[in-house]
């Protein structure tokens, strides 16, 4: 039953058929499919679209439509997750954002949703965030983790600048700095001076945070 409705969601999502997808999500919930399972399925679909975009098979309008569709799905799933008996606030706060020059937020929003659904408070600074803005907010809220994302290789220098500034002000030890996003990998995160790497996808980012903030 789950495989069948997941296939229906896949076909409708890849066709950017918002009406169909937004009808199938509640249907899947009614049939007993878990909200986190649905999110994981949607994350895989979105990742595939991102891969096709990166090799020129899809274009920016496709990414925009996929992002808008994902936002609609998240609006349905978020209250279900938050109302679940399994939802337990962790008491931990994550400061999150795309580094300066990077305006791609589809993957960021998916990671944010997974973190929030697992009980973490996420302070989302959005996209194109200057290093100084990360520092200012970190000083204000004293998060348990600072997560930087870079989806484009051209913004890796911005991630480096942000990490350097944060570390010069004492961050990176007790309050760790995570580097992630499509342009990052474990080796690069270490090279840039980050405390840790977020992972290859949204689910790995969740596991990384759970390990760090246990």
N, C-alpha and C. Protein backbone atom coordinates (compact mmCIF):
# COMPACT_ATOMS: atom_id res chain seq x y z
N UNK A 1 0.84 -1.21 0.00
CA UNK A 1 0.00 0.00 0.00
C UNK A 1 0.87 1.26 0.00
N UNK A 2 1.91 1.26 0.89
CA UNK A 2 2.79 2.42 0.96
C UNK A 2 3.54 2.62 -0.34
N UNK A 3 4.05 1.54 -0.92
CA UNK A 3 4.80 1.65 -2.17
C UNK A 3 3.94 2.24 -3.28
N UNK A 4 2.66 1.85 -3.30
CA UNK A 4 1.76 2.33 -4.35
C UNK A 4 1.53 3.83 -4.24
N UNK A 5 1.26 4.30 -3.02
CA UNK A 5 0.98 5.74 -2.88
C UNK A 5 2.25 6.56 -3.03
N UNK A 6 3.39 5.98 -2.64
CA UNK A 6 4.66 6.68 -2.86
C UNK A 6 4.94 6.83 -4.35
N UNK A 7 4.58 5.83 -5.13
CA UNK A 7 4.76 5.92 -6.58
C UNK A 7 3.84 7.00 -7.15
N UNK A 8 2.62 7.08 -6.65
CA UNK A 8 1.70 8.13 -7.10
C UNK A 8 2.25 9.51 -6.77
N UNK A 9 2.80 9.65 -5.56
CA UNK A 9 3.38 10.94 -5.17
C UNK A 9 4.57 11.27 -6.06
N UNK A 10 5.38 10.27 -6.35
CA UNK A 10 6.57 10.49 -7.20
C UNK A 10 6.16 11.00 -8.58
N UNK A 11 5.18 10.35 -9.20
CA UNK A 11 4.75 10.75 -10.54
C UNK A 11 4.20 12.16 -10.53
N UNK A 12 3.34 12.46 -9.55
CA UNK A 12 2.73 13.79 -9.48
C UNK A 12 3.77 14.86 -9.17
N UNK A 13 4.70 14.54 -8.27
CA UNK A 13 5.74 15.52 -7.90
C UNK A 13 6.63 15.83 -9.09
N UNK A 14 7.02 14.80 -9.82
CA UNK A 14 7.90 15.01 -10.98
C UNK A 14 7.20 15.74 -12.12
N UNK A 15 5.86 15.72 -12.10
CA UNK A 15 5.08 16.48 -13.07
C UNK A 15 4.74 17.88 -12.54
N UNK A 16 5.19 18.18 -11.32
CA UNK A 16 4.89 19.45 -10.65
C UNK A 16 3.38 19.67 -10.56
N UNK A 17 2.64 18.58 -10.35
CA UNK A 17 1.18 18.65 -10.24
C UNK A 17 0.83 18.91 -8.78
N UNK A 18 0.79 20.18 -8.40
CA UNK A 18 0.59 20.56 -7.01
C UNK A 18 -0.74 20.06 -6.46
N UNK A 19 -1.80 20.20 -7.24
CA UNK A 19 -3.12 19.76 -6.75
C UNK A 19 -3.11 18.28 -6.39
N UNK A 20 -2.51 17.47 -7.26
CA UNK A 20 -2.47 16.03 -7.03
C UNK A 20 -1.60 15.68 -5.82
N UNK A 21 -0.42 16.28 -5.76
CA UNK A 21 0.49 15.98 -4.64
C UNK A 21 -0.15 16.36 -3.31
N UNK A 22 -0.77 17.54 -3.26
CA UNK A 22 -1.34 18.02 -2.01
C UNK A 22 -2.62 17.29 -1.63
N UNK A 23 -3.15 16.49 -2.52
CA UNK A 23 -4.23 15.57 -2.17
C UNK A 23 -3.67 14.23 -1.71
N UNK A 24 -2.55 13.82 -2.30
CA UNK A 24 -1.97 12.52 -1.96
C UNK A 24 -1.30 12.51 -0.59
N UNK A 25 -0.75 13.64 -0.16
CA UNK A 25 -0.08 13.69 1.14
C UNK A 25 -1.06 13.36 2.28
N UNK A 26 -2.21 14.04 2.36
CA UNK A 26 -3.18 13.67 3.41
C UNK A 26 -3.69 12.25 3.25
N UNK A 27 -3.83 11.81 2.00
CA UNK A 27 -4.28 10.43 1.77
C UNK A 27 -3.29 9.43 2.35
N UNK A 28 -2.01 9.69 2.15
CA UNK A 28 -0.98 8.80 2.69
C UNK A 28 -1.03 8.79 4.22
N UNK A 29 -1.22 9.95 4.81
CA UNK A 29 -1.32 10.04 6.27
C UNK A 29 -2.52 9.24 6.78
N UNK A 30 -3.64 9.38 6.07
CA UNK A 30 -4.85 8.65 6.47
C UNK A 30 -4.65 7.14 6.38
N UNK A 31 -3.81 6.72 5.46
CA UNK A 31 -3.57 5.28 5.29
C UNK A 31 -2.49 4.76 6.25
N UNK A 32 -2.03 5.63 7.14
CA UNK A 32 -1.11 5.18 8.17
C UNK A 32 0.37 5.36 7.88
N UNK A 33 0.69 6.01 6.78
CA UNK A 33 2.10 6.28 6.49
C UNK A 33 2.58 7.41 7.39
N UNK A 34 3.73 7.24 8.02
CA UNK A 34 4.25 8.25 8.93
C UNK A 34 4.68 9.52 8.22
N UNK A 35 4.49 10.64 8.89
CA UNK A 35 4.86 11.93 8.30
C UNK A 35 6.35 12.00 7.98
N UNK A 36 7.19 11.44 8.86
CA UNK A 36 8.63 11.46 8.60
C UNK A 36 9.00 10.57 7.43
N UNK A 37 8.26 9.46 7.26
CA UNK A 37 8.50 8.60 6.10
C UNK A 37 8.16 9.35 4.82
N UNK A 38 7.07 10.10 4.85
CA UNK A 38 6.68 10.89 3.67
C UNK A 38 7.73 11.94 3.38
N UNK A 39 8.23 12.61 4.43
CA UNK A 39 9.26 13.62 4.23
C UNK A 39 10.53 13.03 3.65
N UNK A 40 10.89 11.84 4.09
CA UNK A 40 12.08 11.19 3.57
C UNK A 40 11.91 10.87 2.09
N UNK A 41 10.70 10.44 1.72
CA UNK A 41 10.41 10.14 0.31
C UNK A 41 10.49 11.42 -0.52
N UNK A 42 9.90 12.50 -0.02
CA UNK A 42 9.93 13.77 -0.74
C UNK A 42 11.36 14.29 -0.86
N UNK A 43 12.16 14.08 0.19
CA UNK A 43 13.55 14.52 0.16
C UNK A 43 14.30 13.83 -0.96
N UNK A 44 14.04 12.54 -1.14
CA UNK A 44 14.69 11.80 -2.22
C UNK A 44 14.29 12.32 -3.59
N UNK A 45 13.01 12.65 -3.74
CA UNK A 45 12.53 13.19 -5.01
C UNK A 45 13.18 14.54 -5.30
N UNK A 46 13.27 15.36 -4.26
CA UNK A 46 13.87 16.68 -4.43
C UNK A 46 15.36 16.58 -4.74
N UNK A 47 16.02 15.64 -4.09
CA UNK A 47 17.45 15.43 -4.36
C UNK A 47 17.68 15.02 -5.81
N UNK A 48 16.81 14.17 -6.33
CA UNK A 48 16.94 13.74 -7.73
C UNK A 48 16.76 14.91 -8.69
N UNK A 49 15.79 15.76 -8.38
CA UNK A 49 15.58 16.94 -9.22
C UNK A 49 16.81 17.85 -9.17
N UNK A 50 17.40 17.99 -7.98
CA UNK A 50 18.61 18.79 -7.85
C UNK A 50 19.76 18.22 -8.66
N UNK A 51 19.88 16.90 -8.68
CA UNK A 51 20.94 16.25 -9.47
C UNK A 51 20.73 16.52 -10.96
N UNK A 52 19.47 16.43 -11.40
CA UNK A 52 19.18 16.68 -12.82
C UNK A 52 19.47 18.14 -13.19
N UNK A 53 19.20 19.03 -12.25
CA UNK A 53 19.48 20.46 -12.49
C UNK A 53 21.00 20.67 -12.62
N UNK A 54 21.76 19.99 -11.77
CA UNK A 54 23.21 20.20 -11.74
C UNK A 54 23.89 19.73 -13.02
N UNK A 55 23.28 18.77 -13.75
CA UNK A 55 23.89 18.29 -14.99
C UNK A 55 23.19 18.84 -16.23
N UNK A 56 22.29 19.80 -16.03
CA UNK A 56 21.67 20.49 -17.14
C UNK A 56 20.45 19.81 -17.75
N UNK A 57 19.93 18.77 -17.08
CA UNK A 57 18.73 18.11 -17.59
C UNK A 57 17.46 18.87 -17.22
N UNK A 58 17.54 19.61 -16.11
CA UNK A 58 16.44 20.47 -15.68
C UNK A 58 16.97 21.89 -15.52
N UNK A 59 16.05 22.84 -15.40
CA UNK A 59 16.46 24.24 -15.38
C UNK A 59 15.87 24.97 -14.17
N UNK A 60 16.23 26.24 -14.02
CA UNK A 60 15.84 26.99 -12.83
C UNK A 60 14.33 26.99 -12.58
N UNK A 61 13.49 27.15 -13.61
CA UNK A 61 12.04 27.09 -13.34
C UNK A 61 11.60 25.77 -12.71
N UNK A 62 12.28 24.67 -13.09
CA UNK A 62 11.97 23.38 -12.48
C UNK A 62 12.29 23.40 -10.98
N UNK A 63 13.43 23.99 -10.64
CA UNK A 63 13.82 24.07 -9.24
C UNK A 63 12.85 24.93 -8.45
N UNK A 64 12.42 26.02 -9.05
CA UNK A 64 11.48 26.92 -8.37
C UNK A 64 10.15 26.20 -8.13
N UNK A 65 9.64 25.50 -9.16
CA UNK A 65 8.38 24.77 -9.00
C UNK A 65 8.49 23.66 -7.96
N UNK A 66 9.63 22.96 -7.98
CA UNK A 66 9.83 21.89 -7.00
C UNK A 66 9.91 22.46 -5.59
N UNK A 67 10.56 23.59 -5.45
CA UNK A 67 10.67 24.23 -4.14
C UNK A 67 9.32 24.68 -3.61
N UNK A 68 8.53 25.29 -4.49
CA UNK A 68 7.18 25.73 -4.09
C UNK A 68 6.32 24.54 -3.70
N UNK A 69 6.45 23.47 -4.44
CA UNK A 69 5.66 22.27 -4.15
C UNK A 69 6.09 21.67 -2.81
N UNK A 70 7.39 21.65 -2.56
CA UNK A 70 7.87 21.13 -1.28
C UNK A 70 7.37 21.97 -0.12
N UNK A 71 7.34 23.28 -0.30
CA UNK A 71 6.82 24.16 0.75
C UNK A 71 5.37 23.81 1.08
N UNK A 72 4.58 23.53 0.05
CA UNK A 72 3.19 23.15 0.27
C UNK A 72 3.07 21.85 1.04
N UNK A 73 3.92 20.89 0.71
CA UNK A 73 3.92 19.61 1.42
C UNK A 73 4.31 19.79 2.88
N UNK A 74 5.30 20.64 3.11
CA UNK A 74 5.77 20.86 4.46
C UNK A 74 4.70 21.52 5.33
N UNK A 75 3.89 22.37 4.73
CA UNK A 75 2.80 23.01 5.49
C UNK A 75 1.81 21.97 6.00
N UNK A 76 1.61 20.91 5.24
CA UNK A 76 0.71 19.83 5.66
C UNK A 76 1.38 18.95 6.72
N UNK A 77 2.64 18.64 6.50
CA UNK A 77 3.33 17.68 7.36
C UNK A 77 3.78 18.26 8.69
N UNK A 78 4.14 19.54 8.70
CA UNK A 78 4.70 20.13 9.92
C UNK A 78 3.78 19.98 11.13
N UNK A 79 2.51 20.39 11.07
CA UNK A 79 1.66 20.26 12.27
C UNK A 79 1.45 18.81 12.69
N UNK A 80 1.45 17.90 11.72
CA UNK A 80 1.29 16.47 12.05
C UNK A 80 2.49 16.00 12.87
N UNK A 81 3.68 16.41 12.43
CA UNK A 81 4.90 16.01 13.13
C UNK A 81 4.95 16.63 14.52
N UNK A 82 4.62 17.91 14.60
CA UNK A 82 4.69 18.61 15.88
C UNK A 82 3.68 18.08 16.89
N UNK A 83 2.56 17.56 16.41
CA UNK A 83 1.52 17.04 17.30
C UNK A 83 1.72 15.56 17.64
N UNK A 84 2.73 14.95 17.04
CA UNK A 84 2.96 13.53 17.27
C UNK A 84 3.39 13.26 18.71
N UNK A 85 2.98 12.11 19.24
CA UNK A 85 3.39 11.70 20.59
C UNK A 85 4.90 11.50 20.65
N UNK A 86 5.50 11.27 19.49
CA UNK A 86 6.95 11.04 19.44
C UNK A 86 7.75 12.34 19.47
N UNK A 87 7.04 13.49 19.31
CA UNK A 87 7.75 14.76 19.27
C UNK A 87 8.09 15.21 20.68
N UNK A 88 9.38 15.36 20.95
CA UNK A 88 9.84 15.79 22.27
C UNK A 88 10.85 16.92 22.09
N UNK A 89 10.54 18.14 22.58
CA UNK A 89 11.50 19.24 22.46
C UNK A 89 12.84 18.87 23.09
N UNK A 90 13.91 19.14 22.40
CA UNK A 90 15.24 18.76 22.88
C UNK A 90 15.84 19.80 23.82
N UNK A 91 15.33 21.03 23.72
CA UNK A 91 15.93 22.12 24.49
C UNK A 91 17.20 22.65 23.87
N UNK A 92 17.54 22.19 22.67
CA UNK A 92 18.76 22.62 21.98
C UNK A 92 18.41 23.52 20.80
N UNK A 93 19.28 24.51 20.56
CA UNK A 93 19.03 25.50 19.51
C UNK A 93 20.12 25.43 18.45
N UNK A 94 19.70 25.50 17.19
CA UNK A 94 20.62 25.49 16.05
C UNK A 94 20.46 26.81 15.29
N UNK A 95 21.56 27.52 15.09
CA UNK A 95 21.57 28.71 14.23
C UNK A 95 21.94 28.25 12.83
N UNK A 96 21.13 28.62 11.83
CA UNK A 96 21.24 28.01 10.50
C UNK A 96 21.10 29.07 9.41
N UNK A 97 21.80 28.88 8.31
CA UNK A 97 21.63 29.79 7.18
C UNK A 97 22.56 29.45 6.02
N UNK A 98 22.21 30.00 4.86
CA UNK A 98 23.06 29.89 3.68
C UNK A 98 24.07 31.03 3.71
N UNK A 99 25.32 30.74 3.42
CA UNK A 99 26.37 31.75 3.50
C UNK A 99 26.19 32.83 2.43
N UNK A 100 26.96 33.89 2.60
CA UNK A 100 26.86 35.04 1.68
C UNK A 100 27.00 34.60 0.22
N UNK A 101 26.09 35.10 -0.63
CA UNK A 101 26.13 34.81 -2.06
C UNK A 101 25.32 33.62 -2.48
N UNK A 102 24.81 32.85 -1.52
CA UNK A 102 24.06 31.63 -1.85
C UNK A 102 22.58 31.83 -1.56
N UNK A 103 21.76 31.71 -2.59
CA UNK A 103 20.32 31.94 -2.42
C UNK A 103 19.50 30.67 -2.63
N UNK A 104 20.15 29.51 -2.67
CA UNK A 104 19.44 28.24 -2.88
C UNK A 104 18.99 27.70 -1.52
N UNK A 105 17.68 27.67 -1.29
CA UNK A 105 17.22 27.30 0.04
C UNK A 105 16.33 26.06 0.09
N UNK A 106 16.17 25.35 -1.03
CA UNK A 106 15.28 24.18 -1.02
C UNK A 106 15.82 23.11 -0.07
N UNK A 107 17.10 22.77 -0.25
CA UNK A 107 17.69 21.76 0.62
C UNK A 107 17.75 22.23 2.07
N UNK A 108 18.06 23.51 2.26
CA UNK A 108 18.12 24.07 3.61
C UNK A 108 16.78 23.90 4.32
N UNK A 109 15.71 24.19 3.61
CA UNK A 109 14.39 24.11 4.23
C UNK A 109 14.02 22.67 4.60
N UNK A 110 14.46 21.73 3.80
CA UNK A 110 14.19 20.33 4.12
C UNK A 110 14.95 19.91 5.38
N UNK A 111 16.21 20.29 5.45
CA UNK A 111 17.01 19.98 6.64
C UNK A 111 16.40 20.64 7.86
N UNK A 112 16.01 21.88 7.72
CA UNK A 112 15.39 22.62 8.83
C UNK A 112 14.16 21.88 9.34
N UNK A 113 13.33 21.40 8.43
CA UNK A 113 12.11 20.72 8.82
C UNK A 113 12.43 19.44 9.59
N UNK A 114 13.41 18.69 9.14
CA UNK A 114 13.79 17.47 9.85
C UNK A 114 14.33 17.77 11.24
N UNK A 115 15.13 18.81 11.36
CA UNK A 115 15.65 19.19 12.68
C UNK A 115 14.51 19.61 13.60
N UNK A 116 13.61 20.44 13.08
CA UNK A 116 12.49 20.90 13.91
C UNK A 116 11.60 19.74 14.34
N UNK A 117 11.37 18.81 13.42
CA UNK A 117 10.51 17.68 13.72
C UNK A 117 11.13 16.76 14.76
N UNK A 118 12.45 16.88 14.94
CA UNK A 118 13.14 16.06 15.93
C UNK A 118 13.33 16.80 17.25
N UNK A 119 12.70 17.94 17.39
CA UNK A 119 12.68 18.64 18.67
C UNK A 119 13.67 19.77 18.83
N UNK A 120 14.43 20.10 17.79
CA UNK A 120 15.39 21.18 17.89
C UNK A 120 14.75 22.51 17.51
N UNK A 121 15.11 23.56 18.23
CA UNK A 121 14.71 24.90 17.82
C UNK A 121 15.69 25.38 16.77
N UNK A 122 15.18 25.80 15.61
CA UNK A 122 16.04 26.24 14.52
C UNK A 122 15.81 27.72 14.27
N UNK A 123 16.86 28.50 14.42
CA UNK A 123 16.81 29.92 14.08
C UNK A 123 17.38 30.06 12.69
N UNK A 124 16.50 30.30 11.72
CA UNK A 124 16.87 30.30 10.31
C UNK A 124 17.15 31.72 9.85
N UNK A 125 18.40 32.02 9.52
CA UNK A 125 18.77 33.35 9.04
C UNK A 125 18.49 33.53 7.55
N UNK A 126 18.08 32.44 6.88
CA UNK A 126 17.71 32.53 5.47
C UNK A 126 18.89 32.33 4.54
N UNK A 127 18.88 33.08 3.44
CA UNK A 127 19.91 32.93 2.41
C UNK A 127 20.79 34.18 2.33
N UNK A 128 21.94 34.04 1.65
CA UNK A 128 22.84 35.16 1.41
C UNK A 128 23.18 35.88 2.72
N UNK A 129 23.61 35.09 3.70
CA UNK A 129 23.84 35.65 5.05
C UNK A 129 25.32 36.02 5.22
N UNK A 130 25.62 37.27 5.50
CA UNK A 130 27.02 37.67 5.72
C UNK A 130 27.58 37.04 6.98
N UNK A 131 28.89 36.88 7.00
CA UNK A 131 29.55 36.30 8.17
C UNK A 131 29.21 37.08 9.44
N UNK A 132 29.15 38.40 9.31
CA UNK A 132 28.88 39.24 10.47
C UNK A 132 27.50 38.99 11.05
N UNK A 133 26.54 38.64 10.18
CA UNK A 133 25.19 38.36 10.66
C UNK A 133 25.13 37.06 11.47
N UNK A 134 25.89 36.06 11.02
CA UNK A 134 25.99 34.82 11.81
C UNK A 134 26.57 35.13 13.19
N UNK A 135 27.65 35.91 13.22
CA UNK A 135 28.31 36.23 14.48
C UNK A 135 27.38 37.02 15.40
N UNK A 136 26.72 38.02 14.85
CA UNK A 136 25.83 38.85 15.67
C UNK A 136 24.71 38.02 16.30
N UNK A 137 24.11 37.14 15.50
CA UNK A 137 23.01 36.32 16.02
C UNK A 137 23.53 35.29 17.00
N UNK A 138 24.69 34.74 16.75
CA UNK A 138 25.27 33.76 17.66
C UNK A 138 25.54 34.40 19.02
N UNK A 139 26.05 35.62 19.00
CA UNK A 139 26.30 36.33 20.26
C UNK A 139 25.00 36.60 21.00
N UNK A 140 23.93 36.82 20.24
CA UNK A 140 22.64 37.14 20.85
C UNK A 140 21.97 35.93 21.47
N UNK A 141 21.92 34.82 20.74
CA UNK A 141 21.10 33.68 21.19
C UNK A 141 21.91 32.56 21.82
N UNK A 142 23.23 32.55 21.65
CA UNK A 142 24.09 31.50 22.19
C UNK A 142 23.56 30.11 21.83
N UNK A 143 23.56 29.76 20.55
CA UNK A 143 23.00 28.46 20.13
C UNK A 143 23.88 27.31 20.58
N UNK A 144 23.36 26.12 20.50
CA UNK A 144 24.15 24.93 20.80
C UNK A 144 24.98 24.49 19.60
N UNK A 145 24.59 24.97 18.40
CA UNK A 145 25.29 24.61 17.17
C UNK A 145 25.05 25.70 16.14
N UNK A 146 26.10 26.01 15.36
CA UNK A 146 25.97 26.94 14.23
C UNK A 146 26.15 26.12 12.96
N UNK A 147 25.13 26.11 12.10
CA UNK A 147 25.16 25.30 10.88
C UNK A 147 25.20 26.23 9.66
N UNK A 148 26.25 26.08 8.86
CA UNK A 148 26.44 26.89 7.65
C UNK A 148 26.22 26.01 6.43
N UNK A 149 25.51 26.53 5.45
CA UNK A 149 25.26 25.76 4.24
C UNK A 149 25.71 26.52 3.01
N UNK A 150 26.28 25.78 2.07
CA UNK A 150 26.70 26.33 0.78
C UNK A 150 26.30 25.34 -0.31
N UNK A 151 25.43 25.79 -1.20
CA UNK A 151 24.96 24.92 -2.27
C UNK A 151 25.78 25.07 -3.54
N UNK A 152 26.53 26.15 -3.65
CA UNK A 152 27.29 26.43 -4.86
C UNK A 152 28.78 26.51 -4.53
N UNK A 153 29.61 25.95 -5.38
CA UNK A 153 31.06 25.96 -5.14
C UNK A 153 31.60 27.39 -5.08
N UNK A 154 30.94 28.31 -5.77
CA UNK A 154 31.41 29.69 -5.78
C UNK A 154 31.25 30.37 -4.42
N UNK A 155 30.45 29.77 -3.52
CA UNK A 155 30.26 30.40 -2.20
C UNK A 155 31.06 29.70 -1.10
N UNK A 156 31.90 28.75 -1.48
CA UNK A 156 32.78 28.11 -0.49
C UNK A 156 33.69 29.14 0.20
N UNK A 157 34.26 30.13 -0.54
CA UNK A 157 35.05 31.15 0.15
C UNK A 157 34.25 31.91 1.22
N UNK A 158 32.96 32.11 0.97
CA UNK A 158 32.12 32.78 1.97
C UNK A 158 31.98 31.92 3.21
N UNK A 159 31.87 30.60 3.01
CA UNK A 159 31.81 29.70 4.16
C UNK A 159 33.12 29.77 4.95
N UNK A 160 34.23 29.81 4.25
CA UNK A 160 35.54 29.92 4.90
C UNK A 160 35.61 31.22 5.71
N UNK A 161 35.19 32.32 5.12
CA UNK A 161 35.22 33.61 5.82
C UNK A 161 34.37 33.56 7.09
N UNK A 162 33.21 32.93 6.99
CA UNK A 162 32.30 32.86 8.14
C UNK A 162 32.90 32.01 9.25
N UNK A 163 33.45 30.86 8.87
CA UNK A 163 34.07 29.99 9.87
C UNK A 163 35.25 30.70 10.54
N UNK A 164 36.07 31.38 9.74
CA UNK A 164 37.22 32.09 10.30
C UNK A 164 36.78 33.15 11.30
N UNK A 165 35.74 33.92 10.94
CA UNK A 165 35.26 34.97 11.84
C UNK A 165 34.71 34.38 13.12
N UNK A 166 33.89 33.34 13.01
CA UNK A 166 33.30 32.72 14.19
C UNK A 166 34.38 32.14 15.11
N UNK A 167 35.38 31.49 14.52
CA UNK A 167 36.44 30.89 15.34
C UNK A 167 37.29 31.97 16.01
N UNK A 168 37.45 33.10 15.34
CA UNK A 168 38.24 34.19 15.93
C UNK A 168 37.55 34.79 17.14
N UNK A 169 36.24 34.52 17.26
CA UNK A 169 35.46 35.03 18.40
C UNK A 169 35.13 33.92 19.40
N UNK A 170 35.81 32.79 19.27
CA UNK A 170 35.68 31.76 20.27
C UNK A 170 34.72 30.64 19.97
N UNK A 171 34.06 30.67 18.83
CA UNK A 171 33.14 29.60 18.45
C UNK A 171 33.93 28.46 17.79
N UNK A 172 33.35 27.26 17.84
CA UNK A 172 34.00 26.12 17.22
C UNK A 172 34.45 25.07 18.22
N UNK A 173 34.51 25.44 19.49
CA UNK A 173 34.89 24.48 20.53
C UNK A 173 33.63 24.00 21.25
N UNK A 174 33.22 24.76 22.29
CA UNK A 174 32.01 24.37 23.02
C UNK A 174 30.78 24.47 22.11
N UNK A 175 30.66 25.57 21.40
CA UNK A 175 29.57 25.74 20.41
C UNK A 175 30.18 25.41 19.06
N UNK A 176 29.82 24.29 18.51
CA UNK A 176 30.46 23.79 17.30
C UNK A 176 29.89 24.43 16.04
N UNK A 177 30.69 24.37 14.97
CA UNK A 177 30.32 24.92 13.67
C UNK A 177 30.21 23.77 12.68
N UNK A 178 29.04 23.61 12.08
CA UNK A 178 28.81 22.55 11.10
C UNK A 178 28.81 23.15 9.69
N UNK A 179 29.50 22.49 8.77
CA UNK A 179 29.50 22.89 7.37
C UNK A 179 28.76 21.85 6.55
N UNK A 180 27.85 22.29 5.69
CA UNK A 180 27.09 21.36 4.87
C UNK A 180 26.61 22.01 3.59
N UNK A 181 25.72 21.31 2.89
CA UNK A 181 25.22 21.81 1.62
C UNK A 181 25.83 21.09 0.44
N UNK A 182 25.29 21.34 -0.74
CA UNK A 182 25.69 20.62 -1.94
C UNK A 182 27.14 20.80 -2.34
N UNK A 183 27.77 21.90 -1.94
CA UNK A 183 29.16 22.13 -2.34
C UNK A 183 30.16 21.57 -1.31
N UNK A 184 29.64 21.06 -0.19
CA UNK A 184 30.53 20.63 0.89
C UNK A 184 30.69 19.11 0.92
N UNK A 185 31.76 18.67 1.55
CA UNK A 185 31.97 17.26 1.85
C UNK A 185 32.83 17.20 3.11
N UNK A 186 33.07 16.01 3.61
CA UNK A 186 33.79 15.87 4.87
C UNK A 186 35.20 16.47 4.79
N UNK A 187 35.89 16.22 3.69
CA UNK A 187 37.26 16.73 3.54
C UNK A 187 37.27 18.25 3.50
N UNK A 188 36.31 18.82 2.75
CA UNK A 188 36.27 20.28 2.64
C UNK A 188 35.93 20.91 3.98
N UNK A 189 34.97 20.31 4.70
CA UNK A 189 34.60 20.85 6.01
C UNK A 189 35.82 20.91 6.92
N UNK A 190 36.62 19.85 6.91
CA UNK A 190 37.83 19.83 7.73
C UNK A 190 38.83 20.87 7.26
N UNK A 191 38.97 20.99 5.94
CA UNK A 191 39.92 21.95 5.37
C UNK A 191 39.54 23.38 5.73
N UNK A 192 38.22 23.66 5.77
CA UNK A 192 37.76 25.01 6.08
C UNK A 192 37.83 25.33 7.57
N UNK A 193 38.04 24.31 8.38
CA UNK A 193 38.13 24.54 9.81
C UNK A 193 36.84 24.35 10.58
N UNK A 194 35.84 23.76 9.92
CA UNK A 194 34.58 23.49 10.61
C UNK A 194 34.77 22.39 11.64
N UNK A 195 33.88 22.36 12.63
CA UNK A 195 33.96 21.32 13.66
C UNK A 195 33.52 19.98 13.12
N UNK A 196 32.62 20.01 12.13
CA UNK A 196 32.05 18.78 11.62
C UNK A 196 31.40 19.02 10.26
N UNK A 197 31.08 17.92 9.59
CA UNK A 197 30.39 17.94 8.30
C UNK A 197 28.94 17.51 8.51
N UNK A 198 28.02 18.18 7.83
CA UNK A 198 26.60 17.90 8.03
C UNK A 198 26.12 16.59 7.45
N UNK A 199 26.73 16.13 6.37
CA UNK A 199 26.28 14.89 5.74
C UNK A 199 25.88 15.09 4.30
N UNK A 200 25.66 13.98 3.60
CA UNK A 200 25.39 14.02 2.17
C UNK A 200 23.95 14.35 1.83
N UNK A 201 23.04 14.24 2.79
CA UNK A 201 21.64 14.56 2.51
C UNK A 201 20.96 15.01 3.81
N UNK A 202 19.67 15.32 3.72
CA UNK A 202 18.95 15.85 4.87
C UNK A 202 18.93 14.87 6.04
N UNK A 203 18.75 13.59 5.73
CA UNK A 203 18.68 12.60 6.80
C UNK A 203 20.03 12.47 7.51
N UNK A 204 21.12 12.51 6.77
CA UNK A 204 22.44 12.45 7.40
C UNK A 204 22.69 13.69 8.25
N UNK A 205 22.16 14.84 7.80
CA UNK A 205 22.28 16.07 8.59
C UNK A 205 21.57 15.92 9.93
N UNK A 206 20.45 15.23 9.92
CA UNK A 206 19.72 14.97 11.16
C UNK A 206 20.54 14.06 12.08
N UNK A 207 21.10 12.99 11.52
CA UNK A 207 21.90 12.07 12.32
C UNK A 207 23.14 12.77 12.90
N UNK A 208 23.75 13.64 12.10
CA UNK A 208 24.94 14.37 12.56
C UNK A 208 24.59 15.25 13.75
N UNK A 209 23.46 15.94 13.67
CA UNK A 209 23.05 16.82 14.77
C UNK A 209 22.73 16.01 16.02
N UNK A 210 22.04 14.91 15.84
CA UNK A 210 21.70 14.07 16.99
C UNK A 210 22.96 13.58 17.70
N UNK A 211 23.97 13.25 16.93
CA UNK A 211 25.22 12.79 17.53
C UNK A 211 25.94 13.93 18.24
N UNK A 212 25.97 15.11 17.62
CA UNK A 212 26.67 16.23 18.19
C UNK A 212 26.00 16.74 19.47
N UNK A 213 24.67 16.78 19.44
CA UNK A 213 23.93 17.41 20.54
C UNK A 213 23.32 16.42 21.50
N UNK A 214 23.80 15.19 21.48
CA UNK A 214 23.26 14.15 22.37
C UNK A 214 23.49 14.54 23.83
